[in-house]
PDB file of N, CA and C in Angstrom:
ATOM      1  N   UNK A   1      13.644 -10.753  -0.104  1.00  0.00           N
ATOM      2  CA  UNK A   1      12.707 -10.165   0.846  1.00  0.00           C
ATOM      3  C   UNK A   1      13.101  -8.725   1.139  1.00  0.00           C
ATOM      4  N   UNK A   2      12.105  -7.886   1.245  1.00  0.00           N
ATOM      5  CA  UNK A   2      12.352  -6.484   1.570  1.00  0.00           C
ATOM      6  C   UNK A   2      12.814  -6.385   3.014  1.00  0.00           C
ATOM      7  N   UNK A   3      13.691  -5.472   3.249  1.00  0.00           N
ATOM      8  CA  UNK A   3      14.211  -5.269   4.594  1.00  0.00           C
ATOM      9  C   UNK A   3      13.169  -4.636   5.487  1.00  0.00           C
ATOM     10  N   UNK A   4      13.246  -4.956   6.766  1.00  0.00           N
ATOM     11  CA  UNK A   4      12.357  -4.342   7.744  1.00  0.00           C
ATOM     12  C   UNK A   4      12.630  -2.840   7.818  1.00  0.00           C
ATOM     13  N   UNK A   5      13.809  -2.410   7.364  1.00  0.00           N
ATOM     14  CA  UNK A   5      14.145  -0.998   7.391  1.00  0.00           C
ATOM     15  C   UNK A   5      13.477  -0.239   6.242  1.00  0.00           C
ATOM     16  N   UNK A   6      13.000  -0.965   5.248  1.00  0.00           N
ATOM     17  CA  UNK A   6      12.271  -0.303   4.172  1.00  0.00           C
ATOM     18  C   UNK A   6      10.899   0.081   4.695  1.00  0.00           C
ATOM     19  N   UNK A   7      10.522   1.332   4.532  1.00  0.00           N
ATOM     20  CA  UNK A   7       9.217   1.740   5.070  1.00  0.00           C
ATOM     21  C   UNK A   7       8.059   1.217   4.228  1.00  0.00           C
ATOM     22  N   UNK A   8       6.910   1.197   4.840  1.00  0.00           N
ATOM     23  CA  UNK A   8       5.665   0.972   4.123  1.00  0.00           C
ATOM     24  C   UNK A   8       5.189   2.342   3.673  1.00  0.00           C
ATOM     25  N   UNK A   9       4.774   2.456   2.449  1.00  0.00           N
ATOM     26  CA  UNK A   9       4.168   3.695   1.974  1.00  0.00           C
ATOM     27  C   UNK A   9       2.670   3.464   1.905  1.00  0.00           C
ATOM     28  N   UNK A  10       1.913   4.206   2.684  1.00  0.00           N
ATOM     29  CA  UNK A  10       0.459   4.102   2.694  1.00  0.00           C
ATOM     30  C   UNK A  10      -0.100   5.346   2.025  1.00  0.00           C
ATOM     31  N   UNK A  11      -0.907   5.134   0.978  1.00  0.00           N
ATOM     32  CA  UNK A  11      -1.496   6.240   0.231  1.00  0.00           C
ATOM     33  C   UNK A  11      -3.012   6.163   0.376  1.00  0.00           C
ATOM     34  N   UNK A  12      -3.592   7.215   0.934  1.00  0.00           N
ATOM     35  CA  UNK A  12      -5.037   7.249   1.103  1.00  0.00           C
ATOM     36  C   UNK A  12      -5.489   8.580   1.658  1.00  0.00           C
ATOM     37  N   UNK A  13      -6.796   8.781   1.659  1.00  0.00           N
ATOM     38  CA  UNK A  13      -7.367  10.028   2.175  1.00  0.00           C
ATOM     39  C   UNK A  13      -8.162   9.847   3.449  1.00  0.00           C
ATOM     40  N   UNK A  14      -8.635   8.646   3.701  1.00  0.00           N
ATOM     41  CA  UNK A  14      -9.455   8.395   4.876  1.00  0.00           C
ATOM     42  C   UNK A  14      -8.567   8.376   6.119  1.00  0.00           C
ATOM     43  N   UNK A  15      -8.816   9.310   7.029  1.00  0.00           N
ATOM     44  CA  UNK A  15      -7.990   9.434   8.239  1.00  0.00           C
ATOM     45  C   UNK A  15      -8.032   8.166   9.077  1.00  0.00           C
ATOM     46  N   UNK A  16      -9.182   7.518   9.152  1.00  0.00           N
ATOM     47  CA  UNK A  16      -9.299   6.286   9.939  1.00  0.00           C
ATOM     48  C   UNK A  16      -8.467   5.164   9.330  1.00  0.00           C
ATOM     49  N   UNK A  17      -8.497   5.050   8.003  1.00  0.00           N
ATOM     50  CA  UNK A  17      -7.701   4.035   7.321  1.00  0.00           C
ATOM     51  C   UNK A  17      -6.211   4.274   7.561  1.00  0.00           C
ATOM     52  N   UNK A  18      -5.780   5.518   7.377  1.00  0.00           N
ATOM     53  CA  UNK A  18      -4.366   5.853   7.562  1.00  0.00           C
ATOM     54  C   UNK A  18      -3.931   5.614   9.006  1.00  0.00           C
ATOM     55  N   UNK A  19      -4.781   5.970   9.951  1.00  0.00           N
ATOM     56  CA  UNK A  19      -4.469   5.748  11.358  1.00  0.00           C
ATOM     57  C   UNK A  19      -4.348   4.254  11.648  1.00  0.00           C
ATOM     58  N   UNK A  20      -5.272   3.455  11.121  1.00  0.00           N
ATOM     59  CA  UNK A  20      -5.232   2.013  11.339  1.00  0.00           C
ATOM     60  C   UNK A  20      -3.953   1.421  10.761  1.00  0.00           C
ATOM     61  N   UNK A  21      -3.591   1.820   9.553  1.00  0.00           N
ATOM     62  CA  UNK A  21      -2.363   1.313   8.936  1.00  0.00           C
ATOM     63  C   UNK A  21      -1.139   1.725   9.760  1.00  0.00           C
ATOM     64  N   UNK A  22      -1.173   2.943  10.292  1.00  0.00           N
ATOM     65  CA  UNK A  22      -0.079   3.418  11.134  1.00  0.00           C
ATOM     66  C   UNK A  22       0.038   2.572  12.397  1.00  0.00           C
ATOM     67  N   UNK A  23      -1.082   2.269  13.018  1.00  0.00           N
ATOM     68  CA  UNK A  23      -1.085   1.433  14.233  1.00  0.00           C
ATOM     69  C   UNK A  23      -0.596   0.016  13.926  1.00  0.00           C
ATOM     70  N   UNK A  24      -1.062  -0.546  12.828  1.00  0.00           N
ATOM     71  CA  UNK A  24      -0.636  -1.892  12.446  1.00  0.00           C
ATOM     72  C   UNK A  24       0.859  -1.925  12.142  1.00  0.00           C
ATOM     73  N   UNK A  25       1.347  -0.927  11.438  1.00  0.00           N
ATOM     74  CA  UNK A  25       2.777  -0.870  11.128  1.00  0.00           C
ATOM     75  C   UNK A  25       3.596  -0.755  12.406  1.00  0.00           C
ATOM     76  N   UNK A  26       3.125   0.056  13.340  1.00  0.00           N
ATOM     77  CA  UNK A  26       3.816   0.199  14.624  1.00  0.00           C
ATOM     78  C   UNK A  26       3.856  -1.134  15.352  1.00  0.00           C
ATOM     79  N   UNK A  27       2.742  -1.839  15.388  1.00  0.00           N
ATOM     80  CA  UNK A  27       2.674  -3.144  16.051  1.00  0.00           C
ATOM     81  C   UNK A  27       3.604  -4.149  15.383  1.00  0.00           C
ATOM     82  N   UNK A  28       3.742  -4.062  14.055  1.00  0.00           N
ATOM     83  CA  UNK A  28       4.607  -4.972  13.305  1.00  0.00           C
ATOM     84  C   UNK A  28       6.057  -4.498  13.272  1.00  0.00           C
ATOM     85  N   UNK A  29       6.334  -3.389  13.942  1.00  0.00           N
ATOM     86  CA  UNK A  29       7.683  -2.807  13.999  1.00  0.00           C
ATOM     87  C   UNK A  29       8.194  -2.424  12.611  1.00  0.00           C
ATOM     88  N   UNK A  30       7.303  -1.898  11.773  1.00  0.00           N
ATOM     89  CA  UNK A  30       7.660  -1.455  10.428  1.00  0.00           C
ATOM     90  C   UNK A  30       7.606   0.069  10.368  1.00  0.00           C
ATOM     91  N   UNK A  31       8.626   0.701   9.831  1.00  0.00           N
ATOM     92  CA  UNK A  31       8.524   2.148   9.610  1.00  0.00           C
ATOM     93  C   UNK A  31       7.464   2.426   8.544  1.00  0.00           C
ATOM     94  N   UNK A  32       6.848   3.579   8.632  1.00  0.00           N
ATOM     95  CA  UNK A  32       5.753   3.901   7.719  1.00  0.00           C
ATOM     96  C   UNK A  32       5.866   5.352   7.247  1.00  0.00           C
ATOM     97  N   UNK A  33       5.468   5.569   6.016  1.00  0.00           N
ATOM     98  CA  UNK A  33       5.368   6.904   5.436  1.00  0.00           C
ATOM     99  C   UNK A  33       3.940   7.027   4.918  1.00  0.00           C
ATOM    100  N   UNK A  34       3.269   8.112   5.282  1.00  0.00           N
ATOM    101  CA  UNK A  34       1.903   8.347   4.827  1.00  0.00           C
ATOM    102  C   UNK A  34       1.892   9.384   3.717  1.00  0.00           C
ATOM    103  N   UNK A  35       1.065   9.144   2.725  1.00  0.00           N
ATOM    104  CA  UNK A  35       0.866  10.109   1.641  1.00  0.00           C
ATOM    105  C   UNK A  35      -0.631  10.214   1.387  1.00  0.00           C
ATOM    106  N   UNK A  36      -1.084  11.412   1.170  1.00  0.00           N
ATOM    107  CA  UNK A  36      -2.492  11.632   0.864  1.00  0.00           C
ATOM    108  C   UNK A  36      -2.647  11.819  -0.630  1.00  0.00           C
ATOM    109  N   UNK A  37      -3.843  11.512  -1.135  1.00  0.00           N
ATOM    110  CA  UNK A  37      -4.106  11.771  -2.539  1.00  0.00           C
ATOM    111  C   UNK A  37      -3.901  13.258  -2.772  1.00  0.00           C
ATOM    112  N   UNK A  38      -3.336  13.590  -3.879  1.00  0.00           N
ATOM    113  CA  UNK A  38      -2.997  14.976  -4.163  1.00  0.00           C
ATOM    114  C   UNK A  38      -1.511  15.209  -3.960  1.00  0.00           C
ATOM    115  N   UNK A  39      -0.899  14.416  -3.088  1.00  0.00           N
ATOM    116  CA  UNK A  39       0.554  14.473  -2.948  1.00  0.00           C
ATOM    117  C   UNK A  39       1.138  13.603  -4.053  1.00  0.00           C
ATOM    118  N   UNK A  40       2.368  13.806  -4.368  1.00  0.00           N
ATOM    119  CA  UNK A  40       3.012  13.053  -5.431  1.00  0.00           C
ATOM    120  C   UNK A  40       3.536  11.726  -4.877  1.00  0.00           C
ATOM    121  N   UNK A  41       2.704  10.693  -4.956  1.00  0.00           N
ATOM    122  CA  UNK A  41       3.071   9.377  -4.423  1.00  0.00           C
ATOM    123  C   UNK A  41       4.319   8.830  -5.115  1.00  0.00           C
ATOM    124  N   UNK A  42       4.473   9.104  -6.406  1.00  0.00           N
ATOM    125  CA  UNK A  42       5.657   8.630  -7.125  1.00  0.00           C
ATOM    126  C   UNK A  42       6.913   9.266  -6.553  1.00  0.00           C
ATOM    127  N   UNK A  43       6.912  10.572  -6.346  1.00  0.00           N
ATOM    128  CA  UNK A  43       8.087  11.251  -5.783  1.00  0.00           C
ATOM    129  C   UNK A  43       8.412  10.717  -4.391  1.00  0.00           C
ATOM    130  N   UNK A  44       7.375  10.503  -3.595  1.00  0.00           N
ATOM    131  CA  UNK A  44       7.591   9.971  -2.247  1.00  0.00           C
ATOM    132  C   UNK A  44       8.174   8.563  -2.331  1.00  0.00           C
ATOM    133  N   UNK A  45       7.638   7.735  -3.229  1.00  0.00           N
ATOM    134  CA  UNK A  45       8.153   6.379  -3.391  1.00  0.00           C
ATOM    135  C   UNK A  45       9.609   6.388  -3.857  1.00  0.00           C
ATOM    136  N   UNK A  46       9.940   7.286  -4.777  1.00  0.00           N
ATOM    137  CA  UNK A  46      11.326   7.373  -5.255  1.00  0.00           C
ATOM    138  C   UNK A  46      12.266   7.818  -4.139  1.00  0.00           C
ATOM    139  N   UNK A  47      11.808   8.720  -3.297  1.00  0.00           N
ATOM    140  CA  UNK A  47      12.636   9.233  -2.207  1.00  0.00           C
ATOM    141  C   UNK A  47      12.759   8.245  -1.053  1.00  0.00           C
ATOM    142  N   UNK A  48      11.670   7.582  -0.700  1.00  0.00           N
ATOM    143  CA  UNK A  48      11.634   6.717   0.487  1.00  0.00           C
ATOM    144  C   UNK A  48      12.006   5.268   0.213  1.00  0.00           C
ATOM    145  N   UNK A  49      11.935   4.827  -1.049  1.00  0.00           N
ATOM    146  CA  UNK A  49      12.228   3.448  -1.433  1.00  0.00           C
ATOM    147  C   UNK A  49      11.495   2.440  -0.542  1.00  0.00           C
ATOM    148  N   UNK A  50      10.155   2.459  -0.569  1.00  0.00           N
ATOM    149  CA  UNK A  50       9.393   1.569   0.308  1.00  0.00           C
ATOM    150  C   UNK A  50       9.518   0.104  -0.098  1.00  0.00           C
ATOM    151  N   UNK A  51       9.323  -0.768   0.877  1.00  0.00           N
ATOM    152  CA  UNK A  51       9.304  -2.200   0.610  1.00  0.00           C
ATOM    153  C   UNK A  51       7.978  -2.637   0.027  1.00  0.00           C
ATOM    154  N   UNK A  52       6.936  -1.884   0.322  1.00  0.00           N
ATOM    155  CA  UNK A  52       5.595  -2.156  -0.193  1.00  0.00           C
ATOM    156  C   UNK A  52       4.795  -0.861  -0.150  1.00  0.00           C
ATOM    157  N   UNK A  53       3.845  -0.736  -1.067  1.00  0.00           N
ATOM    158  CA  UNK A  53       2.938   0.409  -1.090  1.00  0.00           C
ATOM    159  C   UNK A  53       1.527  -0.121  -0.848  1.00  0.00           C
ATOM    160  N   UNK A  54       0.827   0.488   0.087  1.00  0.00           N
ATOM    161  CA  UNK A  54      -0.556   0.140   0.384  1.00  0.00           C
ATOM    162  C   UNK A  54      -1.419   1.303  -0.090  1.00  0.00           C
ATOM    163  N   UNK A  55      -2.349   1.020  -0.992  1.00  0.00           N
ATOM    164  CA  UNK A  55      -3.168   2.069  -1.605  1.00  0.00           C
ATOM    165  C   UNK A  55      -4.639   1.848  -1.267  1.00  0.00           C
ATOM    166  N   UNK A  56      -5.252   2.874  -0.701  1.00  0.00           N
ATOM    167  CA  UNK A  56      -6.683   2.863  -0.426  1.00  0.00           C
ATOM    168  C   UNK A  56      -7.420   3.201  -1.712  1.00  0.00           C
ATOM    169  N   UNK A  57      -8.429   2.405  -2.040  1.00  0.00           N
ATOM    170  CA  UNK A  57      -9.173   2.638  -3.273  1.00  0.00           C
ATOM    171  C   UNK A  57     -10.497   3.351  -3.067  1.00  0.00           C
ATOM    172  N   UNK A  58     -10.948   3.488  -1.842  1.00  0.00           N
ATOM    173  CA  UNK A  58     -12.277   4.033  -1.567  1.00  0.00           C
ATOM    174  C   UNK A  58     -12.267   5.553  -1.502  1.00  0.00           C
ATOM    175  N   UNK A  59     -11.973   6.163  -2.614  1.00  0.00           N
ATOM    176  CA  UNK A  59     -12.010   7.621  -2.693  1.00  0.00           C
ATOM    177  C   UNK A  59     -12.736   7.990  -3.980  1.00  0.00           C
ATOM    178  N   UNK A  60     -13.267   9.199  -4.052  1.00  0.00           N
ATOM    179  CA  UNK A  60     -13.957   9.595  -5.282  1.00  0.00           C
ATOM    180  C   UNK A  60     -13.028   9.523  -6.487  1.00  0.00           C
ATOM    181  N   UNK A  61     -13.550   9.061  -7.582  1.00  0.00           N
ATOM    182  CA  UNK A  61     -12.743   8.938  -8.791  1.00  0.00           C
ATOM    183  C   UNK A  61     -11.863   7.707  -8.732  1.00  0.00           C
ATOM    184  N   UNK A  62     -10.894   7.662  -9.585  1.00  0.00           N
ATOM    185  CA  UNK A  62      -9.983   6.518  -9.655  1.00  0.00           C
ATOM    186  C   UNK A  62      -8.586   6.897  -9.172  1.00  0.00           C
ATOM    187  N   UNK A  63      -8.505   7.694  -8.127  1.00  0.00           N
ATOM    188  CA  UNK A  63      -7.205   8.166  -7.651  1.00  0.00           C
ATOM    189  C   UNK A  63      -6.270   7.019  -7.292  1.00  0.00           C
ATOM    190  N   UNK A  64      -6.783   6.025  -6.575  1.00  0.00           N
ATOM    191  CA  UNK A  64      -5.955   4.895  -6.165  1.00  0.00           C
ATOM    192  C   UNK A  64      -5.440   4.105  -7.350  1.00  0.00           C
ATOM    193  N   UNK A  65      -6.315   3.866  -8.319  1.00  0.00           N
ATOM    194  CA  UNK A  65      -5.894   3.125  -9.515  1.00  0.00           C
ATOM    195  C   UNK A  65      -4.910   3.933 -10.344  1.00  0.00           C
ATOM    196  N   UNK A  66      -5.060   5.254 -10.359  1.00  0.00           N
ATOM    197  CA  UNK A  66      -4.113   6.109 -11.079  1.00  0.00           C
ATOM    198  C   UNK A  66      -2.731   6.013 -10.430  1.00  0.00           C
ATOM    199  N   UNK A  67      -2.696   5.992  -9.103  1.00  0.00           N
ATOM    200  CA  UNK A  67      -1.418   5.862  -8.399  1.00  0.00           C
ATOM    201  C   UNK A  67      -0.793   4.508  -8.691  1.00  0.00           C
ATOM    202  N   UNK A  68      -1.597   3.454  -8.673  1.00  0.00           N
ATOM    203  CA  UNK A  68      -1.106   2.124  -9.016  1.00  0.00           C
ATOM    204  C   UNK A  68      -0.478   2.141 -10.408  1.00  0.00           C
ATOM    205  N   UNK A  69      -1.176   2.722 -11.374  1.00  0.00           N
ATOM    206  CA  UNK A  69      -0.664   2.786 -12.736  1.00  0.00           C
ATOM    207  C   UNK A  69       0.632   3.575 -12.850  1.00  0.00           C
ATOM    208  N   UNK A  70       0.699   4.696 -12.134  1.00  0.00           N
ATOM    209  CA  UNK A  70       1.904   5.529 -12.162  1.00  0.00           C
ATOM    210  C   UNK A  70       3.100   4.782 -11.580  1.00  0.00           C
ATOM    211  N   UNK A  71       2.886   4.115 -10.454  1.00  0.00           N
ATOM    212  CA  UNK A  71       3.987   3.374  -9.819  1.00  0.00           C
ATOM    213  C   UNK A  71       4.464   2.228 -10.707  1.00  0.00           C
ATOM    214  N   UNK A  72       3.533   1.537 -11.322  1.00  0.00           N
ATOM    215  CA  UNK A  72       3.901   0.389 -12.153  1.00  0.00           C
ATOM    216  C   UNK A  72       4.504   0.805 -13.486  1.00  0.00           C
ATOM    217  N   UNK A  73       4.268   2.034 -13.920  1.00  0.00           N
ATOM    218  CA  UNK A  73       4.814   2.514 -15.187  1.00  0.00           C
ATOM    219  C   UNK A  73       6.236   3.056 -15.054  1.00  0.00           C
ATOM    220  N   UNK A  74       6.666   3.366 -13.847  1.00  0.00           N
ATOM    221  CA  UNK A  74       7.996   3.953 -13.654  1.00  0.00           C
ATOM    222  C   UNK A  74       9.025   2.841 -13.453  1.00  0.00           C
ATOM    223  N   UNK A  75      10.160   2.905 -14.135  1.00  0.00           N
ATOM    224  CA  UNK A  75      11.148   1.825 -14.026  1.00  0.00           C
ATOM    225  C   UNK A  75      11.751   1.643 -12.627  1.00  0.00           C
ATOM    226  N   UNK A  76      11.760   2.671 -11.813  1.00  0.00           N
ATOM    227  CA  UNK A  76      12.349   2.544 -10.479  1.00  0.00           C
ATOM    228  C   UNK A  76      11.342   2.104  -9.413  1.00  0.00           C
ATOM    229  N   UNK A  77      10.053   2.116  -9.750  1.00  0.00           N
ATOM    230  CA  UNK A  77       9.045   1.703  -8.760  1.00  0.00           C
ATOM    231  C   UNK A  77       8.193   0.527  -9.240  1.00  0.00           C
ATOM    232  N   UNK A  78       8.403   0.083 -10.466  1.00  0.00           N
ATOM    233  CA  UNK A  78       7.540  -0.950 -11.032  1.00  0.00           C
ATOM    234  C   UNK A  78       7.619  -2.283 -10.300  1.00  0.00           C
ATOM    235  N   UNK A  79       8.708  -2.548  -9.612  1.00  0.00           N
ATOM    236  CA  UNK A  79       8.857  -3.823  -8.913  1.00  0.00           C
ATOM    237  C   UNK A  79       8.436  -3.779  -7.447  1.00  0.00           C
ATOM    238  N   UNK A  80       8.027  -2.616  -6.971  1.00  0.00           N
ATOM    239  CA  UNK A  80       7.563  -2.512  -5.584  1.00  0.00           C
ATOM    240  C   UNK A  80       6.158  -3.118  -5.510  1.00  0.00           C
ATOM    241  N   UNK A  81       5.948  -4.094  -4.622  1.00  0.00           N
ATOM    242  CA  UNK A  81       4.606  -4.665  -4.518  1.00  0.00           C
ATOM    243  C   UNK A  81       3.603  -3.634  -4.011  1.00  0.00           C
ATOM    244  N   UNK A  82       2.410  -3.651  -4.607  1.00  0.00           N
ATOM    245  CA  UNK A  82       1.336  -2.737  -4.225  1.00  0.00           C
ATOM    246  C   UNK A  82       0.164  -3.577  -3.716  1.00  0.00           C
ATOM    247  N   UNK A  83      -0.322  -3.222  -2.524  1.00  0.00           N
ATOM    248  CA  UNK A  83      -1.496  -3.863  -1.942  1.00  0.00           C
ATOM    249  C   UNK A  83      -2.646  -2.873  -2.025  1.00  0.00           C
ATOM    250  N   UNK A  84      -3.733  -3.290  -2.654  1.00  0.00           N
ATOM    251  CA  UNK A  84      -4.920  -2.454  -2.774  1.00  0.00           C
ATOM    252  C   UNK A  84      -5.887  -2.785  -1.647  1.00  0.00           C
ATOM    253  N   UNK A  85      -6.545  -1.757  -1.103  1.00  0.00           N
ATOM    254  CA  UNK A  85      -7.504  -1.932  -0.013  1.00  0.00           C
ATOM    255  C   UNK A  85      -8.811  -1.246  -0.363  1.00  0.00           C
ATOM    256  N   UNK A  86      -9.923  -1.976  -0.193  1.00  0.00           N
ATOM    257  CA  UNK A  86     -11.222  -1.402  -0.525  1.00  0.00           C
ATOM    258  C   UNK A  86     -12.328  -2.119   0.233  1.00  0.00           C
ATOM    259  N   UNK A  87     -13.466  -1.434   0.336  1.00  0.00           N
ATOM    260  CA  UNK A  87     -14.663  -2.036   0.920  1.00  0.00           C
ATOM    261  C   UNK A  87     -15.337  -2.970  -0.064  1.00  0.00           C
ATOM    262  N   UNK A  88     -15.107  -2.772  -1.347  1.00  0.00           N
ATOM    263  CA  UNK A  88     -15.825  -3.539  -2.351  1.00  0.00           C
ATOM    264  C   UNK A  88     -14.968  -4.657  -2.925  1.00  0.00           C
ATOM    265  N   UNK A  89     -15.629  -5.641  -3.479  1.00  0.00           N
ATOM    266  CA  UNK A  89     -14.923  -6.736  -4.145  1.00  0.00           C
ATOM    267  C   UNK A  89     -14.538  -6.371  -5.568  1.00  0.00           C
ATOM    268  N   UNK A  90     -15.079  -5.274  -6.070  1.00  0.00           N
ATOM    269  CA  UNK A  90     -14.839  -4.879  -7.459  1.00  0.00           C
ATOM    270  C   UNK A  90     -13.363  -4.642  -7.749  1.00  0.00           C
ATOM    271  N   UNK A  91     -12.617  -4.216  -6.744  1.00  0.00           N
ATOM    272  CA  UNK A  91     -11.209  -3.884  -6.969  1.00  0.00           C
ATOM    273  C   UNK A  91     -10.349  -5.118  -7.214  1.00  0.00           C
ATOM    274  N   UNK A  92     -10.861  -6.291  -6.904  1.00  0.00           N
ATOM    275  CA  UNK A  92     -10.051  -7.494  -7.076  1.00  0.00           C
ATOM    276  C   UNK A  92      -9.619  -7.715  -8.522  1.00  0.00           C
ATOM    277  N   UNK A  93     -10.382  -7.202  -9.484  1.00  0.00           N
ATOM    278  CA  UNK A  93      -9.985  -7.373 -10.888  1.00  0.00           C
ATOM    279  C   UNK A  93      -8.662  -6.691 -11.176  1.00  0.00           C
ATOM    280  N   UNK A  94      -8.287  -5.721 -10.354  1.00  0.00           N
ATOM    281  CA  UNK A  94      -7.033  -5.001 -10.569  1.00  0.00           C
ATOM    282  C   UNK A  94      -5.812  -5.850 -10.232  1.00  0.00           C
ATOM    283  N   UNK A  95      -6.014  -6.950  -9.513  1.00  0.00           N
ATOM    284  CA  UNK A  95      -4.907  -7.850  -9.236  1.00  0.00           C
ATOM    285  C   UNK A  95      -4.353  -8.436 -10.525  1.00  0.00           C
ATOM    286  N   UNK A  96      -5.232  -8.667 -11.483  1.00  0.00           N
ATOM    287  CA  UNK A  96      -4.788  -9.227 -12.751  1.00  0.00           C
ATOM    288  C   UNK A  96      -3.871  -8.265 -13.491  1.00  0.00           C
ATOM    289  N   UNK A  97      -4.001  -6.994 -13.221  1.00  0.00           N
ATOM    290  CA  UNK A  97      -3.233  -5.986 -13.927  1.00  0.00           C
ATOM    291  C   UNK A  97      -1.836  -5.852 -13.327  1.00  0.00           C
ATOM    292  N   UNK A  98      -1.765  -5.385 -12.072  1.00  0.00           N
ATOM    293  CA  UNK A  98      -0.430  -5.116 -11.547  1.00  0.00           C
ATOM    294  C   UNK A  98      -0.322  -5.072 -10.036  1.00  0.00           C
ATOM    295  N   UNK A  99      -1.406  -5.195  -9.305  1.00  0.00           N
ATOM    296  CA  UNK A  99      -1.314  -5.181  -7.846  1.00  0.00           C
ATOM    297  C   UNK A  99      -0.877  -6.558  -7.351  1.00  0.00           C
ATOM    298  N   UNK A 100      -0.138  -6.575  -6.264  1.00  0.00           N
ATOM    299  CA  UNK A 100       0.332  -7.840  -5.693  1.00  0.00           C
ATOM    300  C   UNK A 100      -0.782  -8.534  -4.923  1.00  0.00           C
ATOM    301  N   UNK A 101      -1.554  -7.764  -4.179  1.00  0.00           N
ATOM    302  CA  UNK A 101      -2.603  -8.320  -3.321  1.00  0.00           C
ATOM    303  C   UNK A 101      -3.763  -7.355  -3.208  1.00  0.00           C
ATOM    304  N   UNK A 102      -4.869  -7.887  -2.753  1.00  0.00           N
ATOM    305  CA  UNK A 102      -6.054  -7.089  -2.481  1.00  0.00           C
ATOM    306  C   UNK A 102      -6.526  -7.430  -1.076  1.00  0.00           C
ATOM    307  N   UNK A 103      -6.729  -6.426  -0.246  1.00  0.00           N
ATOM    308  CA  UNK A 103      -7.288  -6.618   1.087  1.00  0.00           C
ATOM    309  C   UNK A 103      -8.647  -5.942   1.138  1.00  0.00           C
ATOM    310  N   UNK A 104      -9.638  -6.694   1.555  1.00  0.00           N
ATOM    311  CA  UNK A 104     -10.992  -6.139   1.681  1.00  0.00           C
ATOM    312  C   UNK A 104     -11.158  -5.590   3.092  1.00  0.00           C
ATOM    313  N   UNK A 105     -11.675  -4.376   3.164  1.00  0.00           N
ATOM    314  CA  UNK A 105     -11.937  -3.744   4.449  1.00  0.00           C
ATOM    315  C   UNK A 105     -13.157  -4.396   5.089  1.00  0.00           C
ATOM    316  N   UNK A 106     -13.272  -4.454   6.381  1.00  0.00           N
ATOM    317  CA  UNK A 106     -12.307  -3.981   7.367  1.00  0.00           C
ATOM    318  C   UNK A 106     -11.101  -4.913   7.425  1.00  0.00           C
ATOM    319  N   UNK A 107      -9.944  -4.320   7.536  1.00  0.00           N
ATOM    320  CA  UNK A 107      -8.691  -5.074   7.548  1.00  0.00           C
ATOM    321  C   UNK A 107      -8.309  -5.378   8.993  1.00  0.00           C
ATOM    322  N   UNK A 108      -8.143  -6.643   9.283  1.00  0.00           N
ATOM    323  CA  UNK A 108      -7.699  -7.073  10.604  1.00  0.00           C
ATOM    324  C   UNK A 108      -6.176  -7.125  10.625  1.00  0.00           C
ATOM    325  N   UNK A 109      -5.605  -7.030  11.818  1.00  0.00           N
ATOM    326  CA  UNK A 109      -4.148  -7.035  11.933  1.00  0.00           C
ATOM    327  C   UNK A 109      -3.541  -8.302  11.343  1.00  0.00           C
ATOM    328  N   UNK A 110      -4.159  -9.456  11.590  1.00  0.00           N
ATOM    329  CA  UNK A 110      -3.622 -10.707  11.056  1.00  0.00           C
ATOM    330  C   UNK A 110      -3.593 -10.701   9.528  1.00  0.00           C
ATOM    331  N   UNK A 111      -4.611 -10.103   8.908  1.00  0.00           N
ATOM    332  CA  UNK A 111      -4.635  -9.989   7.448  1.00  0.00           C
ATOM    333  C   UNK A 111      -3.527  -9.066   6.953  1.00  0.00           C
ATOM    334  N   UNK A 112      -3.334  -7.953   7.662  1.00  0.00           N
ATOM    335  CA  UNK A 112      -2.279  -6.992   7.348  1.00  0.00           C
ATOM    336  C   UNK A 112      -0.910  -7.678   7.418  1.00  0.00           C
ATOM    337  N   UNK A 113      -0.678  -8.372   8.501  1.00  0.00           N
ATOM    338  CA  UNK A 113       0.605  -9.046   8.707  1.00  0.00           C
ATOM    339  C   UNK A 113       0.827 -10.145   7.658  1.00  0.00           C
ATOM    340  N   UNK A 114      -0.206 -10.932   7.364  1.00  0.00           N
ATOM    341  CA  UNK A 114      -0.092 -11.991   6.364  1.00  0.00           C
ATOM    342  C   UNK A 114       0.184 -11.404   4.973  1.00  0.00           C
ATOM    343  N   UNK A 115      -0.451 -10.278   4.657  1.00  0.00           N
ATOM    344  CA  UNK A 115      -0.224  -9.637   3.354  1.00  0.00           C
ATOM    345  C   UNK A 115       1.215  -9.173   3.217  1.00  0.00           C
ATOM    346  N   UNK A 116       1.735  -8.549   4.271  1.00  0.00           N
ATOM    347  CA  UNK A 116       3.138  -8.108   4.206  1.00  0.00           C
ATOM    348  C   UNK A 116       4.077  -9.293   4.036  1.00  0.00           C
ATOM    349  N   UNK A 117       3.822 -10.347   4.773  1.00  0.00           N
ATOM    350  CA  UNK A 117       4.650 -11.551   4.658  1.00  0.00           C
ATOM    351  C   UNK A 117       4.574 -12.116   3.249  1.00  0.00           C
ATOM    352  N   UNK A 118       3.363 -12.145   2.683  1.00  0.00           N
ATOM    353  CA  UNK A 118       3.179 -12.701   1.343  1.00  0.00           C
ATOM    354  C   UNK A 118       3.931 -11.927   0.269  1.00  0.00           C
ATOM    355  N   UNK A 119       4.059 -10.613   0.443  1.00  0.00           N
ATOM    356  CA  UNK A 119       4.799  -9.826  -0.563  1.00  0.00           C
ATOM    357  C   UNK A 119       6.277  -9.708  -0.217  1.00  0.00           C
ATOM    358  N   UNK A 120       6.714 -10.389   0.836  1.00  0.00           N
ATOM    359  CA  UNK A 120       8.138 -10.466   1.122  1.00  0.00           C
ATOM    360  C   UNK A 120       8.679  -9.471   2.108  1.00  0.00           C
ATOM    361  N   UNK A 121       7.820  -8.842   2.917  1.00  0.00           N
ATOM    362  CA  UNK A 121       8.289  -7.892   3.933  1.00  0.00           C
ATOM    363  C   UNK A 121       8.373  -8.633   5.273  1.00  0.00           C
ATOM    364  N   UNK A 122       9.533  -8.631   5.861  1.00  0.00           N
ATOM    365  CA  UNK A 122       9.700  -9.242   7.180  1.00  0.00           C
ATOM    366  C   UNK A 122       9.032  -8.353   8.225  1.00  0.00           C
ATOM    367  N   UNK A 123       8.162  -8.933   9.036  1.00  0.00           N
ATOM    368  CA  UNK A 123       7.499  -8.170  10.080  1.00  0.00           C
ATOM    369  C   UNK A 123       7.887  -8.729  11.440  1.00  0.00           C
ATOM    370  N   UNK A 124       7.857  -7.819  12.432  1.00  0.00           N
ATOM    371  CA  UNK A 124       8.248  -8.207  13.788  1.00  0.00           C
ATOM    372  C   UNK A 124       7.163  -8.883  14.549  1.00  0.00           C
TER     373      UNK A 124
END
C-alpha cells in the first residue's frame, strides 16, 4: 500500500476539477500536487513520487491519454496507479490499456475515497 505521505498528483486544466480534487484530498488528509497540461507531468511525478496520479481527460485533444502513456512508458513511473476522470463513458476503454481505474464525473467524495482505497492508498 502506498503511504499516506505519498502525494496525489492531479493533472488537469479545469480549475473546478482541480479545486474539487484538492478539497477531497484535504478531507482525506492526503498531500496533493497539482499539475496543469503543458507542464511536464513526468518530471513532476519523478520528483514527487506520488502514490497515485489522477488525470482529467476532458480537455481538447488527447492530452490526458498522452500523459497516461508517458507515465506508463517510463520505468520509474510505470507502476504508479493512474485514475482517469471524465464526463464520458468513452474513456473506460483505456482501463484495458494501463489505467487502474476510471471515475465518471461528477465525482463524489465517497467515490474518490473508494478509488484511492482500491489502488492501495491509505486515506484518513
